[in-house]
N, C-alpha and C. Protein backbone atom coordinates (compact mmCIF):
# COMPACT_ATOMS: atom_id res chain seq x y z
N MET A 1 215.72 171.40 -21.83
CA MET A 1 216.09 170.11 -21.25
C MET A 1 217.04 169.37 -22.17
N GLY A 2 218.05 168.76 -21.58
CA GLY A 2 218.99 167.98 -22.36
C GLY A 2 218.54 166.54 -22.48
N LYS A 3 219.05 165.87 -23.50
CA LYS A 3 218.73 164.45 -23.72
C LYS A 3 220.03 163.67 -23.83
N ILE A 4 220.05 162.48 -23.25
CA ILE A 4 221.19 161.58 -23.34
C ILE A 4 220.69 160.26 -23.92
N LEU A 5 221.22 159.88 -25.07
CA LEU A 5 220.85 158.62 -25.70
C LEU A 5 222.04 157.67 -25.64
N LEU A 6 221.81 156.48 -25.10
CA LEU A 6 222.84 155.45 -25.01
C LEU A 6 222.60 154.42 -26.10
N ILE A 7 223.61 154.13 -26.90
CA ILE A 7 223.49 153.17 -27.99
C ILE A 7 224.48 152.04 -27.77
N ASN A 8 223.99 150.80 -27.76
CA ASN A 8 224.87 149.64 -27.62
C ASN A 8 225.35 149.18 -28.99
N THR A 9 226.57 148.66 -29.03
CA THR A 9 227.08 148.11 -30.28
C THR A 9 226.31 146.84 -30.62
N GLY A 10 226.45 146.41 -31.85
CA GLY A 10 225.77 145.20 -32.30
C GLY A 10 226.41 143.94 -31.72
N PRO A 11 225.93 142.78 -32.13
CA PRO A 11 226.44 141.52 -31.58
C PRO A 11 227.84 141.21 -32.06
N LEU A 12 228.58 140.48 -31.22
CA LEU A 12 229.91 140.03 -31.59
C LEU A 12 229.82 138.66 -32.25
N GLU A 13 230.81 138.33 -33.07
CA GLU A 13 230.88 136.99 -33.65
C GLU A 13 231.98 136.21 -32.93
N PRO A 14 231.79 134.90 -32.75
CA PRO A 14 232.83 134.12 -32.07
C PRO A 14 234.07 133.98 -32.95
N ASP A 15 235.24 133.90 -32.31
CA ASP A 15 236.46 133.68 -33.08
C ASP A 15 236.59 132.19 -33.37
N SER A 16 237.74 131.77 -33.91
CA SER A 16 237.93 130.37 -34.31
C SER A 16 237.87 129.41 -33.12
N ASN A 17 238.05 129.95 -31.91
CA ASN A 17 237.99 129.12 -30.70
C ASN A 17 236.62 129.17 -30.04
N GLY A 18 235.68 129.86 -30.68
CA GLY A 18 234.34 129.96 -30.12
C GLY A 18 234.21 130.98 -29.02
N GLN A 19 235.24 131.83 -28.85
CA GLN A 19 235.21 132.84 -27.80
C GLN A 19 234.66 134.16 -28.35
N TYR A 20 233.89 134.86 -27.52
CA TYR A 20 233.37 136.17 -27.87
C TYR A 20 234.24 137.23 -27.21
N SER A 21 234.71 138.17 -27.98
CA SER A 21 235.53 139.22 -27.40
C SER A 21 235.39 140.50 -28.21
N ALA A 22 235.60 141.63 -27.55
CA ALA A 22 235.55 142.91 -28.24
C ALA A 22 236.59 142.90 -29.35
N GLY A 23 236.21 143.36 -30.50
CA GLY A 23 237.13 143.39 -31.62
C GLY A 23 236.79 142.36 -32.68
N ASN A 24 236.01 141.33 -32.33
CA ASN A 24 235.54 140.38 -33.33
C ASN A 24 234.45 141.06 -34.15
N LYS A 25 234.73 141.34 -35.41
CA LYS A 25 233.81 142.12 -36.22
C LYS A 25 232.62 141.28 -36.68
N SER A 26 231.45 141.75 -36.42
CA SER A 26 230.25 141.09 -36.90
C SER A 26 229.97 141.55 -38.32
N VAL A 27 229.55 140.63 -39.18
CA VAL A 27 229.22 141.01 -40.56
C VAL A 27 228.00 141.91 -40.57
N LEU A 28 227.25 141.91 -39.47
CA LEU A 28 226.05 142.73 -39.40
C LEU A 28 226.30 144.08 -38.72
N LEU A 29 227.55 144.35 -38.33
CA LEU A 29 227.84 145.57 -37.58
C LEU A 29 227.31 146.81 -38.28
N ASN A 30 227.56 146.91 -39.58
CA ASN A 30 227.10 148.09 -40.32
C ASN A 30 225.58 148.21 -40.30
N LYS A 31 224.89 147.08 -40.49
CA LYS A 31 223.43 147.12 -40.53
C LYS A 31 222.85 147.52 -39.17
N TRP A 32 223.45 147.01 -38.11
CA TRP A 32 222.98 147.35 -36.76
C TRP A 32 223.22 148.84 -36.49
N ALA A 33 224.38 149.33 -36.90
CA ALA A 33 224.70 150.75 -36.69
C ALA A 33 223.76 151.64 -37.51
N GLU A 34 223.48 151.23 -38.74
CA GLU A 34 222.56 152.01 -39.59
C GLU A 34 221.15 152.01 -39.00
N ALA A 35 220.74 150.89 -38.42
CA ALA A 35 219.42 150.83 -37.78
C ALA A 35 219.36 151.77 -36.59
N ALA A 36 220.44 151.83 -35.82
CA ALA A 36 220.50 152.75 -34.68
C ALA A 36 220.45 154.19 -35.16
N ALA A 37 221.14 154.48 -36.26
CA ALA A 37 221.13 155.83 -36.82
C ALA A 37 219.72 156.22 -37.24
N ASP A 38 218.98 155.28 -37.83
CA ASP A 38 217.59 155.55 -38.23
C ASP A 38 216.74 155.87 -37.00
N LYS A 39 216.99 155.13 -35.90
CA LYS A 39 216.25 155.36 -34.66
C LYS A 39 216.55 156.77 -34.12
N LEU A 40 217.80 157.16 -34.18
CA LEU A 40 218.20 158.46 -33.63
C LEU A 40 217.77 159.62 -34.51
N ALA A 41 217.42 159.32 -35.76
CA ALA A 41 217.07 160.38 -36.70
C ALA A 41 215.86 161.20 -36.26
N GLU A 42 215.05 160.64 -35.35
CA GLU A 42 213.88 161.38 -34.87
C GLU A 42 214.28 162.47 -33.87
N TYR A 43 215.55 162.48 -33.49
CA TYR A 43 216.06 163.50 -32.59
C TYR A 43 217.10 164.36 -33.30
N LYS A 44 217.28 165.57 -32.81
CA LYS A 44 218.34 166.42 -33.33
C LYS A 44 219.57 166.19 -32.45
N ILE A 45 220.46 165.33 -32.90
CA ILE A 45 221.65 165.00 -32.13
C ILE A 45 222.69 166.11 -32.32
N ASP A 46 223.11 166.69 -31.22
CA ASP A 46 224.07 167.79 -31.27
C ASP A 46 225.52 167.34 -31.14
N ALA A 47 225.74 166.20 -30.48
CA ALA A 47 227.10 165.69 -30.30
C ALA A 47 227.07 164.18 -30.17
N LEU A 48 228.13 163.54 -30.67
CA LEU A 48 228.21 162.08 -30.66
C LEU A 48 229.51 161.65 -30.00
N TYR A 49 229.37 160.81 -28.97
CA TYR A 49 230.53 160.35 -28.21
C TYR A 49 230.62 158.83 -28.25
N THR A 50 231.81 158.32 -27.97
CA THR A 50 232.01 156.87 -27.93
C THR A 50 233.01 156.51 -26.84
N CYS A 51 232.88 155.29 -26.31
CA CYS A 51 233.91 154.79 -25.40
C CYS A 51 235.04 154.23 -26.27
N PRO A 52 236.27 154.22 -25.75
CA PRO A 52 237.43 153.83 -26.57
C PRO A 52 237.71 152.34 -26.60
N VAL A 53 236.70 151.52 -26.90
CA VAL A 53 236.92 150.08 -27.00
C VAL A 53 236.52 149.62 -28.39
N PRO A 54 237.10 148.51 -28.87
CA PRO A 54 236.81 148.03 -30.23
C PRO A 54 235.31 147.92 -30.51
N ASP A 55 234.94 148.24 -31.73
CA ASP A 55 233.56 148.19 -32.26
C ASP A 55 232.73 149.42 -31.93
N ALA A 56 232.94 150.03 -30.77
CA ALA A 56 232.17 151.23 -30.42
C ALA A 56 232.52 152.41 -31.34
N PRO A 57 233.79 152.75 -31.55
CA PRO A 57 234.12 153.85 -32.46
C PRO A 57 233.65 153.58 -33.89
N GLU A 58 233.74 152.31 -34.30
CA GLU A 58 233.29 151.96 -35.65
C GLU A 58 231.78 152.17 -35.79
N THR A 59 231.03 151.74 -34.78
CA THR A 59 229.58 151.94 -34.78
C THR A 59 229.26 153.43 -34.78
N ALA A 60 229.96 154.18 -33.94
CA ALA A 60 229.72 155.63 -33.84
C ALA A 60 230.01 156.33 -35.16
N SER A 61 231.05 155.90 -35.86
CA SER A 61 231.41 156.55 -37.13
C SER A 61 230.34 156.35 -38.19
N ILE A 62 229.66 155.21 -38.16
CA ILE A 62 228.57 154.95 -39.10
C ILE A 62 227.37 155.84 -38.76
N ILE A 63 227.08 155.95 -37.46
CA ILE A 63 225.98 156.81 -37.02
C ILE A 63 226.28 158.28 -37.33
N ALA A 64 227.54 158.66 -37.20
CA ALA A 64 227.95 160.05 -37.39
C ALA A 64 227.61 160.58 -38.78
N VAL A 65 227.63 159.70 -39.77
CA VAL A 65 227.35 160.11 -41.16
C VAL A 65 225.94 160.69 -41.28
N THR A 66 224.99 160.07 -40.57
CA THR A 66 223.60 160.53 -40.63
C THR A 66 223.45 161.96 -40.14
N PHE A 67 224.23 162.32 -39.13
CA PHE A 67 224.08 163.63 -38.51
C PHE A 67 225.19 164.61 -38.88
N ASN A 68 226.12 164.14 -39.73
CA ASN A 68 227.24 164.98 -40.14
C ASN A 68 227.99 165.50 -38.91
N LEU A 69 228.28 164.58 -37.99
CA LEU A 69 228.95 164.94 -36.75
C LEU A 69 230.33 164.28 -36.67
N GLU A 70 231.19 164.87 -35.86
CA GLU A 70 232.49 164.27 -35.58
C GLU A 70 232.35 163.40 -34.35
N VAL A 71 232.90 162.19 -34.40
CA VAL A 71 232.85 161.29 -33.26
C VAL A 71 233.94 161.71 -32.26
N GLN A 72 233.53 161.87 -31.01
CA GLN A 72 234.48 162.26 -29.97
C GLN A 72 234.63 161.11 -28.98
N THR A 73 235.87 160.69 -28.75
CA THR A 73 236.14 159.61 -27.82
C THR A 73 236.29 160.16 -26.41
N VAL A 74 235.66 159.50 -25.44
CA VAL A 74 235.72 159.92 -24.05
C VAL A 74 236.51 158.87 -23.26
N ALA A 75 237.72 159.23 -22.87
CA ALA A 75 238.59 158.29 -22.17
C ALA A 75 238.00 157.81 -20.86
N GLY A 76 237.18 158.65 -20.21
CA GLY A 76 236.59 158.28 -18.93
C GLY A 76 235.58 157.16 -19.02
N LEU A 77 235.09 156.89 -20.24
CA LEU A 77 234.16 155.77 -20.42
C LEU A 77 235.00 154.52 -20.65
N GLN A 78 235.34 153.86 -19.56
CA GLN A 78 236.27 152.74 -19.64
C GLN A 78 235.63 151.50 -20.23
N GLY A 79 236.39 150.76 -20.99
CA GLY A 79 235.88 149.56 -21.63
C GLY A 79 236.28 148.29 -20.89
N LEU A 80 236.09 147.17 -21.56
CA LEU A 80 236.38 145.87 -20.99
C LEU A 80 237.49 145.19 -21.78
N SER A 81 238.30 144.41 -21.09
CA SER A 81 239.30 143.61 -21.77
C SER A 81 238.64 142.34 -22.30
N ASP A 82 239.34 141.62 -23.18
CA ASP A 82 238.79 140.36 -23.69
C ASP A 82 238.48 139.40 -22.55
N THR A 83 239.38 139.34 -21.55
CA THR A 83 239.17 138.44 -20.43
C THR A 83 237.90 138.81 -19.66
N GLN A 84 237.70 140.11 -19.45
CA GLN A 84 236.52 140.55 -18.72
C GLN A 84 235.24 140.23 -19.49
N TRP A 85 235.29 140.34 -20.82
CA TRP A 85 234.11 140.01 -21.63
C TRP A 85 233.75 138.54 -21.45
N ASN A 86 234.74 137.66 -21.46
CA ASN A 86 234.47 136.23 -21.31
C ASN A 86 233.94 135.92 -19.91
N ILE A 87 234.48 136.58 -18.89
CA ILE A 87 234.00 136.40 -17.52
C ILE A 87 232.55 136.87 -17.43
N MET A 88 232.25 137.99 -18.09
CA MET A 88 230.90 138.53 -18.06
C MET A 88 229.90 137.52 -18.60
N GLU A 89 230.23 136.87 -19.71
CA GLU A 89 229.32 135.90 -20.30
C GLU A 89 229.07 134.73 -19.35
N MET A 90 230.13 134.26 -18.68
CA MET A 90 229.98 133.14 -17.76
C MET A 90 229.13 133.54 -16.55
N GLN A 91 229.37 134.75 -16.03
CA GLN A 91 228.61 135.20 -14.88
C GLN A 91 227.16 135.45 -15.23
N LYS A 92 226.92 135.93 -16.44
CA LYS A 92 225.55 136.19 -16.86
C LYS A 92 224.76 134.88 -16.91
N ASP A 93 225.40 133.83 -17.46
CA ASP A 93 224.73 132.54 -17.51
C ASP A 93 224.38 132.06 -16.10
N THR A 94 225.32 132.28 -15.17
CA THR A 94 225.08 131.88 -13.78
C THR A 94 223.96 132.70 -13.18
N ALA A 95 223.99 134.01 -13.43
CA ALA A 95 222.98 134.91 -12.86
C ALA A 95 221.58 134.58 -13.34
N GLU A 96 221.48 134.16 -14.60
CA GLU A 96 220.16 133.89 -15.16
C GLU A 96 219.54 132.63 -14.58
N ASN A 97 220.34 131.84 -13.86
CA ASN A 97 219.79 130.64 -13.23
C ASN A 97 219.12 130.95 -11.90
N TYR A 98 219.23 132.20 -11.44
CA TYR A 98 218.64 132.60 -10.17
C TYR A 98 217.66 133.73 -10.40
N SER A 99 216.47 133.57 -9.86
CA SER A 99 215.48 134.62 -10.01
C SER A 99 215.36 135.48 -8.76
N ASP A 100 215.84 134.97 -7.65
CA ASP A 100 215.73 135.68 -6.37
C ASP A 100 216.94 136.58 -6.17
N GLN A 101 216.70 137.89 -6.02
CA GLN A 101 217.79 138.84 -5.85
C GLN A 101 218.62 138.52 -4.60
N LYS A 102 217.96 137.98 -3.57
CA LYS A 102 218.68 137.64 -2.34
C LYS A 102 219.72 136.58 -2.64
N ILE A 103 219.34 135.59 -3.44
CA ILE A 103 220.28 134.52 -3.80
C ILE A 103 221.43 135.11 -4.61
N LEU A 104 221.12 136.05 -5.51
CA LEU A 104 222.17 136.68 -6.30
C LEU A 104 223.20 137.33 -5.39
N THR A 105 222.72 138.03 -4.38
CA THR A 105 223.60 138.73 -3.46
C THR A 105 224.43 137.75 -2.64
N GLU A 106 223.76 136.71 -2.13
CA GLU A 106 224.44 135.74 -1.27
C GLU A 106 225.47 134.92 -2.02
N THR A 107 225.24 134.66 -3.30
CA THR A 107 226.20 133.86 -4.06
C THR A 107 227.36 134.71 -4.55
N GLY A 108 227.28 136.01 -4.36
CA GLY A 108 228.41 136.88 -4.69
C GLY A 108 228.64 137.07 -6.17
N ILE A 109 227.60 136.92 -6.98
CA ILE A 109 227.76 137.12 -8.42
C ILE A 109 228.08 138.58 -8.68
N LYS A 110 229.14 138.81 -9.43
CA LYS A 110 229.62 140.16 -9.63
C LYS A 110 229.35 140.63 -11.06
N SER A 111 229.59 141.90 -11.26
CA SER A 111 229.50 142.45 -12.62
C SER A 111 230.73 142.02 -13.38
N PRO A 112 230.78 142.21 -14.70
CA PRO A 112 231.96 141.85 -15.48
C PRO A 112 233.18 142.68 -15.09
N PHE A 113 232.98 143.75 -14.34
CA PHE A 113 234.10 144.58 -13.92
C PHE A 113 234.72 144.05 -12.63
N GLY A 114 234.13 142.98 -12.07
CA GLY A 114 234.66 142.38 -10.86
C GLY A 114 234.71 143.36 -9.71
N ASP A 115 235.81 143.29 -8.96
CA ASP A 115 235.97 144.16 -7.80
C ASP A 115 236.21 145.62 -8.18
N ASN A 116 236.44 145.88 -9.45
CA ASN A 116 236.73 147.24 -9.90
C ASN A 116 235.49 148.00 -10.33
N ILE A 117 234.32 147.46 -10.05
CA ILE A 117 233.09 148.08 -10.54
C ILE A 117 232.94 149.52 -10.04
N GLU A 118 233.34 149.77 -8.79
CA GLU A 118 233.20 151.11 -8.24
C GLU A 118 234.15 152.09 -8.93
N VAL A 119 235.35 151.60 -9.26
CA VAL A 119 236.31 152.44 -9.98
C VAL A 119 235.77 152.80 -11.35
N VAL A 120 235.24 151.79 -12.04
CA VAL A 120 234.68 152.01 -13.37
C VAL A 120 233.49 152.95 -13.28
N ARG A 121 232.64 152.73 -12.29
CA ARG A 121 231.46 153.59 -12.16
C ARG A 121 231.83 155.03 -11.84
N ASN A 122 232.83 155.24 -10.99
CA ASN A 122 233.25 156.60 -10.68
C ASN A 122 233.76 157.32 -11.91
N SER A 123 234.57 156.62 -12.69
CA SER A 123 235.12 157.22 -13.91
C SER A 123 234.02 157.51 -14.92
N THR A 124 233.15 156.52 -15.11
CA THR A 124 232.05 156.66 -16.06
C THR A 124 231.07 157.74 -15.62
N GLY A 125 230.74 157.73 -14.33
CA GLY A 125 229.81 158.73 -13.79
C GLY A 125 230.34 160.14 -13.95
N SER A 126 231.62 160.32 -13.68
CA SER A 126 232.23 161.65 -13.83
C SER A 126 232.17 162.11 -15.28
N ALA A 127 232.45 161.17 -16.20
CA ALA A 127 232.41 161.51 -17.63
C ALA A 127 230.99 161.87 -18.05
N LEU A 128 230.01 161.10 -17.58
CA LEU A 128 228.61 161.38 -17.92
C LEU A 128 228.16 162.73 -17.37
N ASP A 129 228.51 163.00 -16.13
CA ASP A 129 228.13 164.27 -15.52
C ASP A 129 228.74 165.45 -16.28
N MET A 130 229.99 165.28 -16.71
CA MET A 130 230.66 166.33 -17.46
C MET A 130 229.95 166.59 -18.79
N LEU A 131 229.57 165.51 -19.47
CA LEU A 131 228.89 165.64 -20.76
C LEU A 131 227.52 166.28 -20.59
N ALA A 132 226.79 165.86 -19.56
CA ALA A 132 225.47 166.43 -19.29
C ALA A 132 225.56 167.92 -18.99
N GLU A 133 226.59 168.30 -18.25
CA GLU A 133 226.78 169.71 -17.90
C GLU A 133 227.15 170.53 -19.13
N SER A 134 227.90 169.91 -20.04
CA SER A 134 228.34 170.62 -21.25
C SER A 134 227.23 170.76 -22.29
N HIS A 135 226.18 169.94 -22.17
CA HIS A 135 225.11 169.94 -23.17
C HIS A 135 223.74 170.04 -22.48
N LYS A 136 223.59 171.03 -21.62
CA LYS A 136 222.38 171.16 -20.80
C LYS A 136 221.09 171.21 -21.61
N LYS A 137 221.12 171.85 -22.76
CA LYS A 137 219.90 172.00 -23.57
C LYS A 137 220.04 171.33 -24.93
N GLN A 138 220.92 170.33 -25.00
CA GLN A 138 221.16 169.64 -26.26
C GLN A 138 220.93 168.14 -26.11
N ALA A 139 220.90 167.46 -27.23
CA ALA A 139 220.77 166.00 -27.24
C ALA A 139 222.12 165.41 -27.63
N ILE A 140 222.61 164.49 -26.81
CA ILE A 140 223.87 163.83 -27.13
C ILE A 140 223.66 162.32 -27.20
N ALA A 141 224.46 161.66 -28.01
CA ALA A 141 224.40 160.21 -28.15
C ALA A 141 225.75 159.64 -27.73
N ILE A 142 225.71 158.53 -27.00
CA ILE A 142 226.93 157.88 -26.53
C ILE A 142 226.89 156.42 -26.95
N VAL A 143 227.87 155.99 -27.72
CA VAL A 143 227.95 154.59 -28.17
C VAL A 143 228.87 153.82 -27.22
N SER A 144 228.39 152.67 -26.79
CA SER A 144 229.15 151.89 -25.82
C SER A 144 228.83 150.41 -25.98
N HIS A 145 229.56 149.59 -25.23
CA HIS A 145 229.23 148.18 -25.12
C HIS A 145 228.18 147.99 -24.03
N GLN A 146 227.49 146.87 -24.10
CA GLN A 146 226.37 146.61 -23.19
C GLN A 146 226.74 146.75 -21.72
N ALA A 147 227.86 146.16 -21.31
CA ALA A 147 228.23 146.17 -19.90
C ALA A 147 228.43 147.58 -19.37
N LEU A 148 229.08 148.42 -20.16
CA LEU A 148 229.30 149.79 -19.73
C LEU A 148 228.01 150.59 -19.77
N SER A 149 227.12 150.26 -20.70
CA SER A 149 225.82 150.93 -20.76
C SER A 149 225.03 150.68 -19.48
N VAL A 150 225.14 149.47 -18.94
CA VAL A 150 224.44 149.16 -17.68
C VAL A 150 224.95 150.08 -16.57
N ILE A 151 226.26 150.26 -16.52
CA ILE A 151 226.85 151.15 -15.51
C ILE A 151 226.30 152.56 -15.68
N MET A 152 226.16 153.01 -16.92
CA MET A 152 225.65 154.36 -17.16
C MET A 152 224.19 154.49 -16.73
N VAL A 153 223.40 153.45 -16.98
CA VAL A 153 221.99 153.47 -16.55
C VAL A 153 221.92 153.53 -15.03
N LEU A 154 222.73 152.70 -14.35
CA LEU A 154 222.75 152.70 -12.89
C LEU A 154 223.11 154.09 -12.36
N HIS A 155 224.08 154.72 -12.98
CA HIS A 155 224.51 156.05 -12.53
C HIS A 155 223.41 157.09 -12.76
N LEU A 156 222.83 157.07 -13.95
CA LEU A 156 221.82 158.06 -14.27
C LEU A 156 220.58 157.95 -13.38
N LEU A 157 220.27 156.72 -12.96
CA LEU A 157 219.09 156.50 -12.11
C LEU A 157 219.44 156.38 -10.63
N HIS A 158 220.71 156.63 -10.29
CA HIS A 158 221.17 156.56 -8.89
C HIS A 158 220.84 155.21 -8.25
N MET A 159 221.06 154.13 -9.01
CA MET A 159 220.81 152.78 -8.49
C MET A 159 222.10 152.17 -7.98
N HIS A 160 221.98 151.32 -6.97
CA HIS A 160 223.14 150.65 -6.38
C HIS A 160 223.73 149.64 -7.37
N ASN A 161 225.04 149.40 -7.24
CA ASN A 161 225.72 148.45 -8.13
C ASN A 161 225.14 147.04 -8.04
N LYS A 162 224.54 146.69 -6.89
CA LYS A 162 224.00 145.34 -6.73
C LYS A 162 222.87 145.05 -7.71
N HIS A 163 222.33 146.11 -8.33
CA HIS A 163 221.24 145.92 -9.30
C HIS A 163 221.75 145.71 -10.72
N TYR A 164 223.06 145.49 -10.85
CA TYR A 164 223.67 145.37 -12.18
C TYR A 164 222.91 144.41 -13.10
N TRP A 165 222.63 143.20 -12.62
CA TRP A 165 222.00 142.21 -13.50
C TRP A 165 220.50 142.42 -13.67
N GLN A 166 219.94 143.43 -13.02
CA GLN A 166 218.53 143.73 -13.19
C GLN A 166 218.28 144.78 -14.27
N VAL A 167 219.35 145.28 -14.84
CA VAL A 167 219.23 146.27 -15.92
C VAL A 167 219.56 145.59 -17.25
N ALA A 168 218.55 145.41 -18.08
CA ALA A 168 218.75 144.77 -19.37
C ALA A 168 219.30 145.77 -20.38
N GLN A 169 220.34 145.35 -21.09
CA GLN A 169 220.91 146.15 -22.17
C GLN A 169 221.31 145.18 -23.28
N ASP A 170 220.45 145.07 -24.29
CA ASP A 170 220.70 144.13 -25.37
C ASP A 170 221.58 144.76 -26.46
N ALA A 171 222.17 143.90 -27.27
CA ALA A 171 222.99 144.37 -28.38
C ALA A 171 222.15 145.26 -29.30
N GLY A 172 222.70 146.41 -29.65
CA GLY A 172 222.02 147.31 -30.57
C GLY A 172 220.91 148.15 -29.97
N ALA A 173 220.66 147.99 -28.67
CA ALA A 173 219.55 148.72 -28.03
C ALA A 173 219.87 150.20 -27.84
N VAL A 174 218.80 151.00 -27.74
CA VAL A 174 218.92 152.43 -27.49
C VAL A 174 218.12 152.77 -26.23
N SER A 175 218.72 153.58 -25.36
CA SER A 175 218.04 154.06 -24.15
C SER A 175 218.05 155.58 -24.16
N LEU A 176 216.94 156.17 -23.74
CA LEU A 176 216.82 157.64 -23.77
C LEU A 176 216.54 158.19 -22.37
N PHE A 177 217.33 159.18 -21.99
CA PHE A 177 217.16 159.89 -20.73
C PHE A 177 217.00 161.38 -21.03
N GLU A 178 216.10 162.01 -20.30
CA GLU A 178 215.91 163.45 -20.43
C GLU A 178 216.29 164.07 -19.09
N VAL A 179 217.14 165.09 -19.15
CA VAL A 179 217.60 165.73 -17.92
C VAL A 179 216.65 166.88 -17.59
N ARG A 180 215.86 166.68 -16.55
CA ARG A 180 214.86 167.66 -16.15
C ARG A 180 215.29 168.32 -14.84
N PHE A 181 215.56 169.62 -14.89
CA PHE A 181 216.01 170.37 -13.72
C PHE A 181 217.23 169.71 -13.08
N GLY A 182 218.12 169.21 -13.94
CA GLY A 182 219.35 168.61 -13.47
C GLY A 182 219.25 167.16 -13.06
N VAL A 183 218.05 166.58 -13.17
CA VAL A 183 217.85 165.18 -12.77
C VAL A 183 217.49 164.34 -13.99
N PRO A 184 218.27 163.30 -14.30
CA PRO A 184 217.97 162.44 -15.45
C PRO A 184 216.71 161.60 -15.21
N SER A 185 215.82 161.58 -16.19
CA SER A 185 214.62 160.76 -16.13
C SER A 185 214.64 159.80 -17.31
N ALA A 186 214.34 158.53 -17.07
CA ALA A 186 214.34 157.53 -18.13
C ALA A 186 213.04 157.62 -18.93
N LEU A 187 213.13 157.90 -20.22
CA LEU A 187 211.95 157.90 -21.08
C LEU A 187 211.75 156.51 -21.68
N TYR A 188 212.83 155.84 -22.02
CA TYR A 188 212.77 154.42 -22.35
C TYR A 188 214.16 153.82 -22.22
N ILE A 189 214.18 152.52 -21.89
CA ILE A 189 215.43 151.80 -21.67
C ILE A 189 215.42 150.51 -22.49
N ASN A 190 216.55 150.24 -23.15
CA ASN A 190 216.74 148.98 -23.87
C ASN A 190 215.74 148.79 -25.02
N ASP A 191 215.49 149.84 -25.77
CA ASP A 191 214.57 149.75 -26.90
C ASP A 191 215.26 149.09 -28.10
N THR A 192 214.64 148.05 -28.64
CA THR A 192 215.20 147.35 -29.81
C THR A 192 214.22 147.30 -30.98
N CYS A 193 213.18 148.14 -30.94
CA CYS A 193 212.16 148.12 -32.00
C CYS A 193 212.78 148.37 -33.38
N HIS A 194 213.83 149.18 -33.42
CA HIS A 194 214.45 149.53 -34.71
C HIS A 194 215.24 148.37 -35.30
N LEU A 195 215.38 147.27 -34.55
CA LEU A 195 216.18 146.14 -35.02
C LEU A 195 215.34 145.03 -35.63
N ARG A 196 214.07 145.32 -35.92
CA ARG A 196 213.22 144.31 -36.55
C ARG A 196 213.87 143.86 -37.87
N GLY A 197 213.92 142.56 -38.04
CA GLY A 197 214.56 142.01 -39.23
C GLY A 197 216.02 141.68 -39.02
N LEU A 198 216.62 142.18 -37.93
CA LEU A 198 218.02 141.91 -37.64
C LEU A 198 218.18 140.94 -36.47
N ILE A 199 217.11 140.84 -35.65
CA ILE A 199 217.19 139.93 -34.49
C ILE A 199 216.04 138.92 -34.57
């Protein structure tokens, strides 16, 4: 059976204007990445992949040292622009004010990918399927930003895009899926136990 581990990058720091965007380096980035590496050490990681957006390759390179692996960038794992990150934060605040899924749907709250969510999901899903097929009996780790990790969870569990805000993915979290007879099963999602002392 193959294993797929999703690792989120650590928290971002605001720039001089108070805006959060990919590429703002957190002083804790190394510590968060090292904590994730410690978490992954209980598994034999055969390959390490990253999405091509700021902070993810840096986090992956720190993790790679633990396993003596080369970080491989997957173009199909699309990232977010600075504008999309800021929109995501605003929409998340709005979404958290509603507990009823029906209200969420009726108010038209979207994912940070906006109307392009299906395009992003198709690209991401294809990349994930390709990686799973290439590592049927191996364990792979994929470093990504939180928003893209949610898309990967939705794809792996065959959940509709409307459930986007129902999938929690915190900074630095690790999620583990085991592929059983070609079907991904969630063993744990959004685990942050390894971040004690950092959050």
